[in-house]
């Protein structure tokens, strides 16, 4: 799948240490990931238009990020599969039908099967996290824009298992 071109860095492979230390200092288990950003009218209409920023104060807009925004947006919508190489292999049988003498219509088919050892696979369900955007303060003047809060609409847990989202 080809992802959209964006002018910012797409993903973080590793969470920065200062963010991990702040998360560990929290007194509660749940926290929300978000940021506050000042956007010009050109940014609202251009670079950040996919977030559908609201034009009214304190009127949040929520949307599910499209799957073509990147790897984590795709996993958020479709889920993902992990090959568990840390677990022992299991036997799996593969079946397929083959035509007799090259012509299935005349001579019929027969069944082939092949058994081999494979690693187990673990499927993670899609999480369907939405991005919430809220206008906190409108910019003064005719230019438009303002100060926006952008956050995930569901709290994350420090003790939550799962590496990818």
C-alpha atoms as a PDB file:
ATOM      1  CA  UNK A   1       0.000   0.000   0.000  1.00  0.00           C
ATOM      2  CA  UNK A   2       1.279   3.445  -0.909  1.00  0.00           C
ATOM      3  CA  UNK A   3       0.926   6.026   1.874  1.00  0.00           C
ATOM      4  CA  UNK A   4       0.190   9.730   1.446  1.00  0.00           C
ATOM      5  CA  UNK A   5       3.064  12.181   1.304  1.00  0.00           C
ATOM      6  CA  UNK A   6       3.176  14.327   4.439  1.00  0.00           C
ATOM      7  CA  UNK A   7       5.601  17.126   5.359  1.00  0.00           C
ATOM      8  CA  UNK A   8       6.364  15.725   8.834  1.00  0.00           C
ATOM      9  CA  UNK A   9       8.048  12.643  10.231  1.00  0.00           C
ATOM     10  CA  UNK A  10       5.597   9.764   9.992  1.00  0.00           C
ATOM     11  CA  UNK A  11       6.234   7.481  12.987  1.00  0.00           C
ATOM     12  CA  UNK A  12       8.415   7.089  16.040  1.00  0.00           C
ATOM     13  CA  UNK A  13      10.141   3.710  16.279  1.00  0.00           C
ATOM     14  CA  UNK A  14      10.962   4.287  19.923  1.00  0.00           C
ATOM     15  CA  UNK A  15       9.228   6.520  22.446  1.00  0.00           C
ATOM     16  CA  UNK A  16      11.663   9.200  23.669  1.00  0.00           C
ATOM     17  CA  UNK A  17      13.045   8.690  27.184  1.00  0.00           C
ATOM     18  CA  UNK A  18      11.689  12.008  28.536  1.00  0.00           C
ATOM     19  CA  UNK A  19       8.136  10.964  27.553  1.00  0.00           C
ATOM     20  CA  UNK A  20       8.570   7.519  29.138  1.00  0.00           C
ATOM     21  CA  UNK A  21       9.790   9.124  32.380  1.00  0.00           C
ATOM     22  CA  UNK A  22       6.781  11.491  32.416  1.00  0.00           C
ATOM     23  CA  UNK A  23       4.400   8.568  31.893  1.00  0.00           C
ATOM     24  CA  UNK A  24       6.050   6.650  34.745  1.00  0.00           C
ATOM     25  CA  UNK A  25       5.620   9.654  37.077  1.00  0.00           C
ATOM     26  CA  UNK A  26       1.847   9.748  36.536  1.00  0.00           C
ATOM     27  CA  UNK A  27      -0.258   8.832  39.561  1.00  0.00           C
ATOM     28  CA  UNK A  28      -3.005   7.209  37.486  1.00  0.00           C
ATOM     29  CA  UNK A  29      -2.824   4.290  35.086  1.00  0.00           C
ATOM     30  CA  UNK A  30      -4.734   6.016  32.260  1.00  0.00           C
ATOM     31  CA  UNK A  31      -3.497   8.935  30.182  1.00  0.00           C
ATOM     32  CA  UNK A  32      -4.427  10.720  26.965  1.00  0.00           C
ATOM     33  CA  UNK A  33      -1.982  11.451  24.159  1.00  0.00           C
ATOM     34  CA  UNK A  34      -2.359  14.877  22.609  1.00  0.00           C
ATOM     35  CA  UNK A  35      -0.825  18.211  21.757  1.00  0.00           C
ATOM     36  CA  UNK A  36      -1.733  21.870  21.413  1.00  0.00           C
ATOM     37  CA  UNK A  37      -0.696  23.528  18.157  1.00  0.00           C
ATOM     38  CA  UNK A  38      -1.022  27.006  16.677  1.00  0.00           C
ATOM     39  CA  UNK A  39      -2.236  26.775  13.083  1.00  0.00           C
ATOM     40  CA  UNK A  40      -2.581  29.487  10.489  1.00  0.00           C
ATOM     41  CA  UNK A  41      -5.535  29.581   8.114  1.00  0.00           C
ATOM     42  CA  UNK A  42      -3.284  28.194   5.375  1.00  0.00           C
ATOM     43  CA  UNK A  43      -2.333  25.231   7.610  1.00  0.00           C
ATOM     44  CA  UNK A  44      -5.993  24.540   8.457  1.00  0.00           C
ATOM     45  CA  UNK A  45      -6.918  24.568   4.763  1.00  0.00           C
ATOM     46  CA  UNK A  46      -3.788  22.727   3.590  1.00  0.00           C
ATOM     47  CA  UNK A  47      -1.417  20.611   5.667  1.00  0.00           C
ATOM     48  CA  UNK A  48      -3.922  19.741   8.424  1.00  0.00           C
ATOM     49  CA  UNK A  49      -7.139  19.604   6.391  1.00  0.00           C
ATOM     50  CA  UNK A  50      -7.287  15.792   6.810  1.00  0.00           C
ATOM     51  CA  UNK A  51      -8.001  16.382  10.539  1.00  0.00           C
ATOM     52  CA  UNK A  52     -11.112  18.438   9.646  1.00  0.00           C
ATOM     53  CA  UNK A  53     -10.351  21.166  12.224  1.00  0.00           C
ATOM     54  CA  UNK A  54     -13.520  22.872  13.500  1.00  0.00           C
ATOM     55  CA  UNK A  55     -14.164  26.546  12.867  1.00  0.00           C
ATOM     56  CA  UNK A  56     -16.159  27.154  16.084  1.00  0.00           C
ATOM     57  CA  UNK A  57     -14.785  27.411  19.634  1.00  0.00           C
ATOM     58  CA  UNK A  58     -15.057  24.310  21.858  1.00  0.00           C
ATOM     59  CA  UNK A  59     -16.726  22.315  19.086  1.00  0.00           C
ATOM     60  CA  UNK A  60     -14.670  19.114  18.770  1.00  0.00           C
ATOM     61  CA  UNK A  61     -14.464  17.160  15.554  1.00  0.00           C
ATOM     62  CA  UNK A  62     -13.611  13.465  15.679  1.00  0.00           C
ATOM     63  CA  UNK A  63     -12.480  11.339  12.793  1.00  0.00           C
ATOM     64  CA  UNK A  64     -10.906   7.971  12.185  1.00  0.00           C
ATOM     65  CA  UNK A  65      -7.548   8.471  10.462  1.00  0.00           C
ATOM     66  CA  UNK A  66      -7.655   7.092   6.902  1.00  0.00           C
ATOM     67  CA  UNK A  67      -5.633   3.924   6.361  1.00  0.00           C
ATOM     68  CA  UNK A  68      -3.447   5.556   3.716  1.00  0.00           C
ATOM     69  CA  UNK A  69      -1.928   7.997   6.255  1.00  0.00           C
ATOM     70  CA  UNK A  70       0.655   5.464   7.428  1.00  0.00           C
ATOM     71  CA  UNK A  71       1.416   2.112   9.021  1.00  0.00           C
ATOM     72  CA  UNK A  72      -0.199   2.861  12.391  1.00  0.00           C
ATOM     73  CA  UNK A  73      -3.348   4.292  10.785  1.00  0.00           C
ATOM     74  CA  UNK A  74      -3.649   1.094   8.740  1.00  0.00           C
ATOM     75  CA  UNK A  75      -3.246  -1.036  11.873  1.00  0.00           C
ATOM     76  CA  UNK A  76      -5.769   1.133  13.699  1.00  0.00           C
ATOM     77  CA  UNK A  77      -8.402   0.359  11.029  1.00  0.00           C
ATOM     78  CA  UNK A  78      -7.492  -3.181   9.883  1.00  0.00           C
ATOM     79  CA  UNK A  79      -5.692  -4.718  12.845  1.00  0.00           C
ATOM     80  CA  UNK A  80      -2.368  -6.534  12.460  1.00  0.00           C
ATOM     81  CA  UNK A  81      -0.801  -9.945  12.690  1.00  0.00           C
ATOM     82  CA  UNK A  82       2.374 -10.923  14.558  1.00  0.00           C
ATOM     83  CA  UNK A  83       4.413 -14.024  13.796  1.00  0.00           C
ATOM     84  CA  UNK A  84       5.301 -15.525  17.202  1.00  0.00           C
ATOM     85  CA  UNK A  85       8.856 -16.813  16.686  1.00  0.00           C
ATOM     86  CA  UNK A  86       9.282 -17.001  20.482  1.00  0.00           C
ATOM     87  CA  UNK A  87       6.776 -19.886  20.638  1.00  0.00           C
ATOM     88  CA  UNK A  88       7.375 -23.418  19.344  1.00  0.00           C
ATOM     89  CA  UNK A  89       6.257 -24.246  15.814  1.00  0.00           C
ATOM     90  CA  UNK A  90       3.003 -26.104  15.200  1.00  0.00           C
ATOM     91  CA  UNK A  91       2.074 -28.537  12.419  1.00  0.00           C
ATOM     92  CA  UNK A  92      -0.219 -27.097   9.783  1.00  0.00           C
ATOM     93  CA  UNK A  93      -1.765 -28.925   6.863  1.00  0.00           C
ATOM     94  CA  UNK A  94      -2.229 -27.188   3.507  1.00  0.00           C
ATOM     95  CA  UNK A  95      -4.861 -28.578   1.097  1.00  0.00           C
ATOM     96  CA  UNK A  96      -5.439 -27.948  -2.600  1.00  0.00           C
ATOM     97  CA  UNK A  97      -7.322 -29.575  -5.473  1.00  0.00           C
ATOM     98  CA  UNK A  98      -5.553 -30.664  -8.646  1.00  0.00           C
ATOM     99  CA  UNK A  99      -7.197 -31.704 -11.934  1.00  0.00           C
ATOM    100  CA  UNK A 100      -6.787 -35.321 -13.067  1.00  0.00           C
ATOM    101  CA  UNK A 101      -4.741 -35.548 -16.291  1.00  0.00           C
ATOM    102  CA  UNK A 102      -4.902 -31.769 -16.782  1.00  0.00           C
ATOM    103  CA  UNK A 103      -8.644 -31.511 -17.450  1.00  0.00           C
ATOM    104  CA  UNK A 104     -10.919 -31.114 -14.433  1.00  0.00           C
ATOM    105  CA  UNK A 105     -14.089 -30.889 -16.541  1.00  0.00           C
ATOM    106  CA  UNK A 106     -13.522 -34.300 -18.147  1.00  0.00           C
ATOM    107  CA  UNK A 107     -11.574 -36.322 -15.593  1.00  0.00           C
ATOM    108  CA  UNK A 108     -12.391 -34.614 -12.288  1.00  0.00           C
ATOM    109  CA  UNK A 109     -10.029 -33.551  -9.524  1.00  0.00           C
ATOM    110  CA  UNK A 110      -8.221 -35.059  -6.571  1.00  0.00           C
ATOM    111  CA  UNK A 111      -7.059 -33.616  -3.270  1.00  0.00           C
ATOM    112  CA  UNK A 112      -3.438 -32.947  -2.350  1.00  0.00           C
ATOM    113  CA  UNK A 113      -2.250 -32.093   1.128  1.00  0.00           C
ATOM    114  CA  UNK A 114       1.081 -31.118   2.573  1.00  0.00           C
ATOM    115  CA  UNK A 115       1.909 -30.891   6.258  1.00  0.00           C
ATOM    116  CA  UNK A 116       4.659 -28.644   7.579  1.00  0.00           C
ATOM    117  CA  UNK A 117       5.708 -26.829  10.733  1.00  0.00           C
ATOM    118  CA  UNK A 118       4.968 -23.117  10.948  1.00  0.00           C
ATOM    119  CA  UNK A 119       5.174 -20.406  13.576  1.00  0.00           C
ATOM    120  CA  UNK A 120       1.955 -19.427  15.298  1.00  0.00           C
ATOM    121  CA  UNK A 121       0.402 -16.122  14.348  1.00  0.00           C
ATOM    122  CA  UNK A 122      -1.347 -13.753  16.691  1.00  0.00           C
ATOM    123  CA  UNK A 123      -3.973 -11.362  15.322  1.00  0.00           C
ATOM    124  CA  UNK A 124      -4.552  -8.034  17.080  1.00  0.00           C
ATOM    125  CA  UNK A 125      -8.003  -6.569  16.573  1.00  0.00           C
ATOM    126  CA  UNK A 126      -8.279  -3.014  15.209  1.00  0.00           C
ATOM    127  CA  UNK A 127      -8.516  -0.414  17.962  1.00  0.00           C
ATOM    128  CA  UNK A 128     -10.430   2.277  16.025  1.00  0.00           C
ATOM    129  CA  UNK A 129      -8.834   5.196  17.895  1.00  0.00           C
ATOM    130  CA  UNK A 130     -10.201   8.504  16.624  1.00  0.00           C
ATOM    131  CA  UNK A 131      -8.429  11.847  16.512  1.00  0.00           C
ATOM    132  CA  UNK A 132     -10.286  14.652  18.243  1.00  0.00           C
ATOM    133  CA  UNK A 133      -9.538  18.243  17.175  1.00  0.00           C
ATOM    134  CA  UNK A 134     -10.852  21.231  19.125  1.00  0.00           C
ATOM    135  CA  UNK A 135     -10.396  24.975  18.559  1.00  0.00           C
ATOM    136  CA  UNK A 136      -9.285  26.514  21.867  1.00  0.00           C
ATOM    137  CA  UNK A 137      -8.679  30.112  20.771  1.00  0.00           C
ATOM    138  CA  UNK A 138      -9.370  31.873  17.492  1.00  0.00           C
ATOM    139  CA  UNK A 139      -6.632  33.936  15.928  1.00  0.00           C
ATOM    140  CA  UNK A 140      -7.146  37.671  15.908  1.00  0.00           C
ATOM    141  CA  UNK A 141      -7.346  39.421  12.579  1.00  0.00           C
ATOM    142  CA  UNK A 142      -8.693  38.478   9.183  1.00  0.00           C
ATOM    143  CA  UNK A 143      -6.132  35.723   8.614  1.00  0.00           C
ATOM    144  CA  UNK A 144      -8.042  33.019  10.474  1.00  0.00           C
ATOM    145  CA  UNK A 145      -6.586  29.961  12.165  1.00  0.00           C
ATOM    146  CA  UNK A 146      -6.046  29.670  15.890  1.00  0.00           C
ATOM    147  CA  UNK A 147      -4.840  27.431  18.690  1.00  0.00           C
ATOM    148  CA  UNK A 148      -6.015  23.830  18.341  1.00  0.00           C
ATOM    149  CA  UNK A 149      -5.939  20.837  20.663  1.00  0.00           C
ATOM    150  CA  UNK A 150      -5.342  17.521  18.878  1.00  0.00           C
ATOM    151  CA  UNK A 151      -5.713  14.302  20.905  1.00  0.00           C
ATOM    152  CA  UNK A 152      -6.687  10.638  20.740  1.00  0.00           C
ATOM    153  CA  UNK A 153     -10.270  10.216  21.938  1.00  0.00           C
ATOM    154  CA  UNK A 154      -9.570   7.173  24.155  1.00  0.00           C
ATOM    155  CA  UNK A 155      -7.246   6.997  27.149  1.00  0.00           C
ATOM    156  CA  UNK A 156      -4.248   4.673  26.982  1.00  0.00           C
ATOM    157  CA  UNK A 157      -3.150   2.530  29.916  1.00  0.00           C
ATOM    158  CA  UNK A 158       0.402   2.275  31.231  1.00  0.00           C
ATOM    159  CA  UNK A 159      -0.117  -1.426  31.895  1.00  0.00           C
ATOM    160  CA  UNK A 160      -1.674  -2.123  28.491  1.00  0.00           C
ATOM    161  CA  UNK A 161      -0.007  -4.887  26.493  1.00  0.00           C
ATOM    162  CA  UNK A 162       0.521  -4.491  22.782  1.00  0.00           C
ATOM    163  CA  UNK A 163       3.420  -2.762  21.148  1.00  0.00           C
ATOM    164  CA  UNK A 164       1.987  -1.438  17.933  1.00  0.00           C
ATOM    165  CA  UNK A 165      -0.726   0.989  19.016  1.00  0.00           C
END
